[in-house]
């Protein structure tokens, strides 16, 4: 079937197309695009040891997972002899390790000691304190209530 080429059809169709386009623009302009936060994952050469020094079961496993997710190579983990640290402490065994500052930032601590030992088999040891829950807790995105 062939539609007649009358001006009524042309004039009637154009306003409908224009109206549909205008409605689409209005609807889409009201939608907010969510910002996707992509966390840059860096890797730091060097061996990290994680020791549970707070006495909370499972702390070393949780910290190991957290550090690996943040690019650190955790080569060993376990329990420390002392089980009463309140704060997490970083002990550098290799003072020239390139990841020391990044590790301190990741663990949100300034408790960094340097203890050089010729017998050390890791570059750094992390002694987990009772504050580890706040350290590994994901940072909440700021909400914008307008």
Foldseek 3Di string as FASTA:
>chain_A
DDDDPDVCVVVVVVVVVVVVVVVVVVVVVPDDDDDDDDDDAEAFDWEEEEEQQAQDPPLFVLVCVLVVRRHYHYPYYYYDPHHRAAAKAKEFQAVPRPCPVVVCVLQVHPRYHYDHDPPDPTGMYIHHHVCNVVSSDDDDDDDDDD
